[in-house]
Amino acid sequence: MRHAAHLLRLLDAAGFSAVGRVCAATGSKSWGEAWSKSVGESTAWVPSALIGILTLSVSLQYTMVIGDSFSSIFSAWGLPSLIASRSGAIVCLTALGKLPLFNPSSALNPTTLALTPALTVTRPAAAL
């Protein structure tokens, strides 16, 4: 499994390197600009669309993992089945994550200030 992960990292690095070389060769500052200069203006929307599809796909994958993981955790905690279901867990955690955004001073909200560093530290550690 480690070898497959290393192979994917090498492929990512090669892809980023290729984009960088094309940007340097065309004098572009972004992938979209390099695409339009090297492929054509008529398909300049393709890089943005691909990034949008990738972002949507990753968000959906994370949502499925969150739903599966936390429904089991909430069920083990004895929470009601409405919350302990996959959909309930997704809705509850999404609402909890979005709650600071409804506060006009959310950037200065103590909860936001406390959770941001905690999530920043624990997320990479969980990936190890």
Protein backbone atom coordinates (compact mmCIF):
# COMPACT_ATOMS: atom_id res chain seq x y z
CA MET A 1 0.00 0.00 0.00
CA ARG A 2 2.86 2.38 0.76
CA HIS A 3 4.34 1.83 -2.68
CA ALA A 4 1.06 2.76 -4.34
CA ALA A 5 0.89 5.96 -2.27
CA HIS A 6 4.46 6.85 -3.24
CA LEU A 7 3.66 6.17 -6.89
CA LEU A 8 0.66 8.50 -6.71
CA ARG A 9 2.81 11.19 -5.09
CA LEU A 10 5.36 10.85 -7.88
CA LEU A 11 2.61 11.14 -10.50
CA ASP A 12 1.26 14.24 -8.73
CA ALA A 13 4.73 15.76 -8.66
CA ALA A 14 5.23 15.02 -12.36
CA GLY A 15 1.87 16.62 -13.17
CA PHE A 16 2.61 19.76 -11.16
CA SER A 17 6.06 19.94 -12.71
CA ALA A 18 4.58 19.68 -16.21
CA VAL A 19 2.09 22.46 -15.47
CA GLY A 20 4.93 24.61 -14.11
CA ARG A 21 7.06 24.01 -17.19
CA VAL A 22 4.17 24.88 -19.51
CA CYS A 23 3.47 28.05 -17.50
CA ALA A 24 7.14 29.03 -17.75
CA ALA A 25 7.28 28.28 -21.48
CA THR A 26 4.13 30.29 -22.25
CA GLY A 27 4.80 33.08 -19.75
CA SER A 28 1.58 32.28 -17.92
CA LYS A 29 0.76 32.71 -14.27
CA SER A 30 -1.98 30.05 -14.01
CA TRP A 31 -2.94 26.70 -15.45
CA GLY A 32 -5.98 28.23 -17.15
CA GLU A 33 -3.89 30.92 -18.81
CA ALA A 34 -1.30 28.36 -19.94
CA TRP A 35 -4.09 26.15 -21.29
CA SER A 36 -5.62 28.97 -23.32
CA LYS A 37 -2.22 29.95 -24.75
CA SER A 38 -1.18 26.39 -25.62
CA VAL A 39 -4.47 24.66 -26.47
CA GLY A 40 -6.78 27.51 -27.42
CA GLU A 41 -9.18 30.11 -26.07
CA SER A 42 -12.25 28.07 -27.03
CA THR A 43 -11.43 25.43 -24.42
CA ALA A 44 -10.11 27.78 -21.71
CA TRP A 45 -13.00 26.69 -19.47
CA VAL A 46 -11.68 23.10 -19.21
CA PRO A 47 -9.13 23.59 -16.35
CA SER A 48 -11.67 25.41 -14.19
CA ALA A 49 -14.30 22.77 -14.89
CA LEU A 50 -11.87 19.97 -13.99
CA ILE A 51 -10.95 21.66 -10.71
CA GLY A 52 -14.65 22.17 -9.95
CA ILE A 53 -15.43 18.51 -10.63
CA LEU A 54 -12.48 17.42 -8.51
CA THR A 55 -13.56 19.64 -5.62
CA LEU A 56 -17.14 18.38 -5.80
CA SER A 57 -15.94 14.78 -5.92
CA VAL A 58 -13.65 15.16 -2.91
CA SER A 59 -16.37 16.93 -0.93
CA LEU A 60 -18.76 14.09 -1.67
CA GLN A 61 -16.17 11.50 -0.64
CA TYR A 62 -15.47 13.28 2.66
CA THR A 63 -19.21 13.58 3.31
CA MET A 64 -19.63 9.82 2.83
CA VAL A 65 -16.76 9.06 5.20
CA ILE A 66 -18.12 11.50 7.79
CA GLY A 67 -21.58 9.96 7.53
CA ASP A 68 -20.34 6.40 7.87
CA SER A 69 -17.88 7.14 10.68
CA PHE A 70 -19.98 9.39 12.84
CA SER A 71 -23.22 7.43 12.47
CA SER A 72 -21.43 4.51 14.15
CA ILE A 73 -19.97 6.80 16.83
CA PHE A 74 -23.31 8.51 17.51
CA SER A 75 -25.04 5.13 17.65
CA ALA A 76 -22.47 3.85 20.16
CA TRP A 77 -23.07 6.96 22.27
CA GLY A 78 -26.78 6.07 22.37
CA LEU A 79 -27.99 9.15 20.50
CA PRO A 80 -31.44 9.02 18.87
CA SER A 81 -31.63 7.20 15.55
CA LEU A 82 -32.47 10.46 13.77
CA ILE A 83 -29.02 11.78 14.69
CA ALA A 84 -27.23 8.40 14.63
CA SER A 85 -28.28 7.67 11.04
CA ARG A 86 -25.87 8.38 8.21
CA SER A 87 -27.93 11.34 6.98
CA GLY A 88 -28.46 12.64 10.50
CA ALA A 89 -24.74 12.56 11.25
CA ILE A 90 -23.96 14.41 8.02
CA VAL A 91 -26.60 17.09 8.69
CA CYS A 92 -25.57 17.56 12.34
CA LEU A 93 -21.86 17.82 11.63
CA THR A 94 -22.38 20.08 8.61
CA ALA A 95 -24.61 22.39 10.65
CA LEU A 96 -22.10 22.39 13.51
CA GLY A 97 -19.26 23.23 11.13
CA LYS A 98 -21.22 26.04 9.48
CA LEU A 99 -22.50 27.54 12.74
CA PRO A 100 -19.61 30.01 13.17
CA LEU A 101 -20.31 31.38 9.68
CA PHE A 102 -23.68 32.74 10.84
CA ASN A 103 -21.98 35.01 13.37
CA PRO A 104 -21.11 38.37 11.78
CA SER A 105 -17.89 38.54 13.81
CA SER A 106 -17.00 34.89 13.15
CA ALA A 107 -13.35 35.68 12.46
CA LEU A 108 -13.04 36.92 16.05
CA ASN A 109 -15.33 34.27 17.52
CA PRO A 110 -13.45 32.46 20.34
CA THR A 111 -14.80 29.10 19.15
CA THR A 112 -13.47 29.68 15.65
CA LEU A 113 -10.14 30.87 16.97
CA ALA A 114 -9.84 27.78 19.20
CA LEU A 115 -11.02 25.17 16.67
CA THR A 116 -9.05 26.34 13.64
CA PRO A 117 -5.58 25.56 15.08
CA ALA A 118 -6.87 22.33 16.62
CA LEU A 119 -8.24 21.09 13.30
CA THR A 120 -5.13 22.26 11.48
CA VAL A 121 -2.94 20.19 13.78
CA THR A 122 -5.12 17.08 14.06
CA ARG A 123 -6.05 16.74 10.38
CA PRO A 124 -2.48 16.11 9.10
CA ALA A 125 -1.78 13.88 12.12
CA ALA A 126 -4.84 11.77 11.27
CA ALA A 127 -3.50 11.22 7.77
CA LEU A 128 -0.33 9.54 9.02
